[in-house]
N, C-alpha and C. Protein backbone atom coordinates (compact mmCIF):
# COMPACT_ATOMS: atom_id res chain seq x y z
N UNK A 1 -3.81 12.60 31.47
CA UNK A 1 -3.36 12.20 30.17
C UNK A 1 -4.33 12.70 29.11
N UNK A 2 -3.85 13.08 27.93
CA UNK A 2 -4.69 13.53 26.84
C UNK A 2 -4.56 12.55 25.67
N UNK A 3 -5.60 12.55 24.85
CA UNK A 3 -5.55 11.79 23.61
C UNK A 3 -5.80 12.74 22.46
N UNK A 4 -4.93 12.77 21.51
CA UNK A 4 -5.09 13.57 20.31
C UNK A 4 -5.51 12.63 19.23
N UNK A 5 -6.74 12.89 18.70
CA UNK A 5 -7.31 12.01 17.67
C UNK A 5 -7.33 12.76 16.33
N UNK A 6 -7.02 11.98 15.29
CA UNK A 6 -6.98 12.49 13.92
C UNK A 6 -8.03 11.67 13.17
N UNK A 7 -9.12 12.28 12.82
CA UNK A 7 -10.27 11.60 12.17
C UNK A 7 -10.24 11.93 10.66
N UNK A 8 -10.21 10.90 9.85
CA UNK A 8 -10.12 11.11 8.39
C UNK A 8 -11.51 10.84 7.81
N UNK A 9 -12.25 11.89 7.36
CA UNK A 9 -13.63 11.74 6.91
C UNK A 9 -13.75 10.77 5.75
N UNK A 10 -14.80 9.96 5.79
CA UNK A 10 -15.11 9.04 4.67
C UNK A 10 -15.54 9.96 3.51
N UNK A 11 -14.97 9.65 2.32
CA UNK A 11 -15.34 10.33 1.13
C UNK A 11 -15.48 9.24 0.06
N UNK A 12 -16.63 9.23 -0.63
CA UNK A 12 -16.88 8.19 -1.66
C UNK A 12 -15.70 8.24 -2.66
N UNK A 13 -15.21 7.09 -2.98
CA UNK A 13 -14.14 6.88 -3.89
C UNK A 13 -12.74 7.32 -3.41
N UNK A 14 -12.66 7.82 -2.19
CA UNK A 14 -11.36 8.21 -1.66
C UNK A 14 -10.67 7.02 -1.08
N UNK A 15 -9.38 6.92 -1.32
CA UNK A 15 -8.60 5.76 -0.84
C UNK A 15 -7.88 6.15 0.42
N UNK A 16 -7.82 5.24 1.39
CA UNK A 16 -7.04 5.40 2.57
C UNK A 16 -6.19 4.13 2.79
N UNK A 17 -4.90 4.29 2.72
CA UNK A 17 -3.98 3.16 2.83
C UNK A 17 -3.66 2.88 4.35
N UNK A 18 -4.52 2.08 4.93
CA UNK A 18 -4.37 1.79 6.33
C UNK A 18 -3.14 1.00 6.66
N UNK A 19 -2.65 0.18 5.71
CA UNK A 19 -1.41 -0.57 5.95
C UNK A 19 -0.25 0.42 6.06
N UNK A 20 -0.15 1.35 5.10
CA UNK A 20 0.93 2.36 5.20
C UNK A 20 0.82 3.18 6.51
N UNK A 21 -0.41 3.57 6.83
CA UNK A 21 -0.66 4.39 8.01
C UNK A 21 -0.15 3.68 9.24
N UNK A 22 -0.45 2.37 9.38
CA UNK A 22 -0.08 1.59 10.55
C UNK A 22 1.38 1.18 10.60
N UNK A 23 1.96 0.89 9.46
CA UNK A 23 3.32 0.32 9.47
C UNK A 23 4.38 1.35 9.14
N UNK A 24 4.03 2.49 8.56
CA UNK A 24 4.98 3.53 8.22
C UNK A 24 4.72 4.87 8.93
N UNK A 25 3.53 5.45 8.65
CA UNK A 25 3.24 6.80 9.10
C UNK A 25 3.28 6.86 10.63
N UNK A 26 2.43 6.07 11.30
CA UNK A 26 2.34 6.23 12.77
C UNK A 26 3.63 5.88 13.48
N UNK A 27 4.30 4.84 13.09
CA UNK A 27 5.62 4.56 13.78
C UNK A 27 6.63 5.68 13.54
N UNK A 28 6.65 6.25 12.35
CA UNK A 28 7.51 7.42 12.03
C UNK A 28 7.17 8.60 12.93
N UNK A 29 5.85 8.92 13.00
CA UNK A 29 5.43 10.01 13.85
C UNK A 29 5.90 9.73 15.32
N UNK A 30 5.56 8.55 15.82
CA UNK A 30 5.96 8.24 17.20
C UNK A 30 7.46 8.31 17.44
N UNK A 31 8.24 7.94 16.43
CA UNK A 31 9.66 8.04 16.57
C UNK A 31 10.15 9.51 16.66
N UNK A 32 9.55 10.38 15.86
CA UNK A 32 9.93 11.81 15.95
C UNK A 32 9.48 12.45 17.21
N UNK A 33 8.34 12.02 17.74
CA UNK A 33 7.83 12.60 19.00
C UNK A 33 8.60 12.15 20.19
N UNK A 34 9.24 11.03 20.12
CA UNK A 34 10.09 10.51 21.19
C UNK A 34 9.31 10.20 22.42
N UNK A 35 9.90 10.38 23.58
CA UNK A 35 9.31 10.03 24.84
C UNK A 35 8.10 10.88 25.26
N UNK A 36 7.87 11.95 24.54
CA UNK A 36 6.66 12.77 24.83
C UNK A 36 5.44 11.99 24.51
N UNK A 37 5.50 11.13 23.46
CA UNK A 37 4.36 10.33 23.10
C UNK A 37 4.29 9.11 24.00
N UNK A 38 3.13 8.89 24.59
CA UNK A 38 2.94 7.80 25.55
C UNK A 38 2.27 6.59 24.90
N UNK A 39 2.05 6.64 23.57
CA UNK A 39 1.45 5.55 22.88
C UNK A 39 0.63 6.00 21.72
N UNK A 40 0.30 5.06 20.84
CA UNK A 40 -0.56 5.43 19.71
C UNK A 40 -1.39 4.23 19.35
N UNK A 41 -2.46 4.51 18.58
CA UNK A 41 -3.32 3.44 18.01
C UNK A 41 -3.91 3.99 16.73
N UNK A 42 -4.42 3.06 15.90
CA UNK A 42 -5.08 3.44 14.66
C UNK A 42 -6.21 2.50 14.45
N UNK A 43 -7.31 3.02 13.81
CA UNK A 43 -8.42 2.11 13.49
C UNK A 43 -9.01 2.50 12.12
N UNK A 44 -9.54 1.55 11.44
CA UNK A 44 -10.17 1.72 10.19
C UNK A 44 -11.72 1.71 10.35
N UNK A 45 -12.37 2.65 9.74
CA UNK A 45 -13.82 2.72 9.85
C UNK A 45 -14.46 1.59 9.04
N UNK A 46 -15.45 0.93 9.66
CA UNK A 46 -16.17 -0.17 9.00
C UNK A 46 -17.52 0.22 8.50
N UNK A 47 -18.27 0.97 9.31
CA UNK A 47 -19.67 1.29 8.95
C UNK A 47 -20.14 2.42 9.84
N UNK A 48 -21.26 3.05 9.43
CA UNK A 48 -21.86 4.04 10.19
C UNK A 48 -22.85 3.43 11.22
N UNK A 49 -23.60 4.24 11.95
CA UNK A 49 -24.51 3.72 12.95
C UNK A 49 -25.71 2.97 12.41
N UNK A 50 -26.17 3.37 11.23
CA UNK A 50 -27.31 2.68 10.59
C UNK A 50 -26.79 1.44 9.80
N UNK A 51 -27.58 0.43 9.80
CA UNK A 51 -27.18 -0.79 9.02
C UNK A 51 -26.93 -0.44 7.54
N UNK A 52 -25.79 -0.88 7.05
CA UNK A 52 -25.44 -0.69 5.65
C UNK A 52 -24.90 0.71 5.29
N UNK A 53 -24.76 1.58 6.26
CA UNK A 53 -24.30 2.92 5.98
C UNK A 53 -22.76 3.00 6.02
N UNK A 54 -22.22 3.98 5.30
CA UNK A 54 -20.78 4.17 5.27
C UNK A 54 -20.30 4.72 6.58
N UNK A 55 -19.06 4.50 6.94
CA UNK A 55 -18.52 5.06 8.20
C UNK A 55 -18.39 6.60 8.05
N UNK A 56 -18.57 7.26 9.21
CA UNK A 56 -18.34 8.71 9.23
C UNK A 56 -16.88 9.04 8.90
N UNK A 57 -15.99 8.20 9.46
CA UNK A 57 -14.57 8.39 9.24
C UNK A 57 -14.01 7.10 8.65
N UNK A 58 -13.20 7.21 7.62
CA UNK A 58 -12.58 6.06 6.99
C UNK A 58 -11.49 5.43 7.86
N UNK A 59 -10.89 6.33 8.68
CA UNK A 59 -9.84 5.88 9.58
C UNK A 59 -9.64 6.93 10.65
N UNK A 60 -8.93 6.56 11.72
CA UNK A 60 -8.58 7.44 12.79
C UNK A 60 -7.26 7.04 13.37
N UNK A 61 -6.46 8.00 13.79
CA UNK A 61 -5.20 7.77 14.49
C UNK A 61 -5.25 8.47 15.84
N UNK A 62 -4.67 7.91 16.82
CA UNK A 62 -4.72 8.48 18.18
C UNK A 62 -3.32 8.48 18.81
N UNK A 63 -2.95 9.58 19.42
CA UNK A 63 -1.71 9.71 20.13
C UNK A 63 -1.98 10.06 21.58
N UNK A 64 -1.24 9.54 22.52
CA UNK A 64 -1.36 9.87 23.93
C UNK A 64 -0.19 10.68 24.43
N UNK A 65 -0.52 11.67 25.25
CA UNK A 65 0.48 12.57 25.81
C UNK A 65 0.12 12.86 27.30
N UNK A 66 1.10 13.34 28.06
CA UNK A 66 0.80 13.75 29.42
C UNK A 66 -0.06 14.98 29.53
N UNK A 67 0.12 15.90 28.54
CA UNK A 67 -0.57 17.16 28.61
C UNK A 67 -0.65 17.79 27.22
N UNK A 68 -1.51 18.80 27.06
CA UNK A 68 -1.58 19.57 25.78
C UNK A 68 -0.24 20.25 25.54
N UNK A 69 0.40 20.78 26.60
CA UNK A 69 1.70 21.42 26.40
C UNK A 69 2.76 20.47 25.90
N UNK A 70 2.72 19.22 26.40
CA UNK A 70 3.70 18.20 25.97
C UNK A 70 3.44 17.89 24.48
N UNK A 71 2.17 17.78 24.08
CA UNK A 71 1.80 17.50 22.70
C UNK A 71 2.31 18.62 21.83
N UNK A 72 1.98 19.85 22.17
CA UNK A 72 2.32 21.03 21.38
C UNK A 72 3.87 21.15 21.17
N UNK A 73 4.61 20.95 22.29
CA UNK A 73 6.08 21.08 22.19
C UNK A 73 6.65 19.96 21.29
N UNK A 74 6.10 18.72 21.39
CA UNK A 74 6.62 17.63 20.63
C UNK A 74 6.25 17.73 19.14
N UNK A 75 5.07 18.16 18.83
CA UNK A 75 4.57 18.13 17.47
C UNK A 75 5.03 19.38 16.67
N UNK A 76 5.09 20.51 17.33
CA UNK A 76 5.36 21.80 16.60
C UNK A 76 6.52 21.74 15.62
N UNK A 77 7.66 21.11 15.95
CA UNK A 77 8.78 21.12 14.98
C UNK A 77 8.53 20.26 13.77
N UNK A 78 7.47 19.40 13.79
CA UNK A 78 7.32 18.40 12.74
C UNK A 78 5.96 18.59 11.98
N UNK A 79 5.19 19.64 12.27
CA UNK A 79 3.87 19.78 11.66
C UNK A 79 3.92 19.72 10.15
N UNK A 80 4.81 20.44 9.50
CA UNK A 80 4.86 20.42 8.04
C UNK A 80 5.22 19.06 7.49
N UNK A 81 6.13 18.35 8.10
CA UNK A 81 6.46 17.00 7.63
C UNK A 81 5.31 16.04 7.79
N UNK A 82 4.62 16.12 8.93
CA UNK A 82 3.48 15.22 9.14
C UNK A 82 2.41 15.50 8.11
N UNK A 83 2.11 16.77 7.86
CA UNK A 83 1.06 17.15 6.90
C UNK A 83 1.49 16.69 5.45
N UNK A 84 2.73 16.82 5.15
CA UNK A 84 3.21 16.46 3.81
C UNK A 84 3.09 14.99 3.53
N UNK A 85 3.03 14.16 4.59
CA UNK A 85 2.91 12.71 4.41
C UNK A 85 1.51 12.25 4.14
N UNK A 86 0.51 13.12 4.33
CA UNK A 86 -0.90 12.69 4.13
C UNK A 86 -1.15 12.17 2.77
N UNK A 87 -0.52 12.71 1.74
CA UNK A 87 -0.74 12.27 0.38
C UNK A 87 -0.34 10.79 0.19
N UNK A 88 0.49 10.28 1.04
CA UNK A 88 0.91 8.85 0.95
C UNK A 88 -0.12 7.85 1.43
N UNK A 89 -1.08 8.31 2.27
CA UNK A 89 -2.06 7.37 2.72
C UNK A 89 -3.53 7.79 2.51
N UNK A 90 -3.75 9.09 2.21
CA UNK A 90 -5.11 9.62 2.04
C UNK A 90 -5.08 10.68 0.95
N UNK A 91 -4.65 10.31 -0.26
CA UNK A 91 -4.41 11.29 -1.30
C UNK A 91 -5.57 12.14 -1.79
N UNK A 92 -6.75 11.54 -1.78
CA UNK A 92 -7.93 12.34 -2.29
C UNK A 92 -8.69 12.97 -1.12
N UNK A 93 -8.32 12.68 0.09
CA UNK A 93 -9.18 13.06 1.20
C UNK A 93 -8.95 14.37 1.89
N UNK A 94 -7.74 14.85 1.88
CA UNK A 94 -7.47 16.13 2.60
C UNK A 94 -7.07 15.92 4.06
N UNK A 95 -7.01 17.05 4.78
CA UNK A 95 -6.53 16.98 6.20
C UNK A 95 -7.57 16.32 7.13
N UNK A 96 -7.08 15.78 8.23
CA UNK A 96 -8.00 15.16 9.23
C UNK A 96 -8.72 16.21 10.03
N UNK A 97 -9.76 15.75 10.69
CA UNK A 97 -10.42 16.51 11.79
C UNK A 97 -9.65 16.13 13.07
N UNK A 98 -9.20 17.11 13.82
CA UNK A 98 -8.39 16.86 15.02
C UNK A 98 -9.23 17.16 16.22
N UNK A 99 -9.10 16.29 17.25
CA UNK A 99 -9.74 16.51 18.51
C UNK A 99 -8.76 16.15 19.64
N UNK A 100 -8.69 17.00 20.65
CA UNK A 100 -7.91 16.73 21.79
C UNK A 100 -8.86 16.46 22.96
N UNK A 101 -8.67 15.30 23.60
CA UNK A 101 -9.56 14.93 24.65
C UNK A 101 -8.79 14.62 25.97
N UNK A 102 -9.44 14.85 27.05
CA UNK A 102 -8.94 14.56 28.37
C UNK A 102 -9.37 13.10 28.70
N UNK A 103 -8.41 12.16 28.76
CA UNK A 103 -8.74 10.76 29.04
C UNK A 103 -9.15 10.67 30.50
N UNK A 104 -10.40 10.24 30.69
CA UNK A 104 -11.00 10.15 32.02
C UNK A 104 -11.12 8.75 32.53
N UNK A 105 -11.11 7.80 31.66
CA UNK A 105 -11.27 6.39 32.10
C UNK A 105 -10.68 5.49 30.99
N UNK A 106 -9.99 4.42 31.43
CA UNK A 106 -9.49 3.41 30.54
C UNK A 106 -9.77 2.12 31.19
N UNK A 107 -10.31 1.16 30.45
CA UNK A 107 -10.65 -0.13 31.05
C UNK A 107 -9.90 -1.22 30.30
C-alpha cells in the first residue's frame, strides 16, 4: 500500500480553511477517485519541533492506494480540477509539497 501526502507549507498570514478541506475538498476528491482510493485523512499543523515555533506545514492531506500505478490512473483525469480547488482552502499559499511513501507499518 502507498500513501500520497500533500503538505501545505506554513506561511505567515496565509489562511488554510481546514473545515472546507475536511468536509468538502477531501470527500469530493475521494468520490472522484472511487474504489482506487483506500482511504484518506487530514491534519492541521499545530507547532514546530521547538517550543513556541510555527508548524512546518499548516496542514496535510493523505490518500491511500494499492500502488503508484493505481494512484496515477485514478488521479490523472482530475489533476486540473483538484489544483483549481486549492484557492478555496489555501488561497495565499500555493501548491502543496507532494510525497509518495511505501506504507511499511500501521499500528
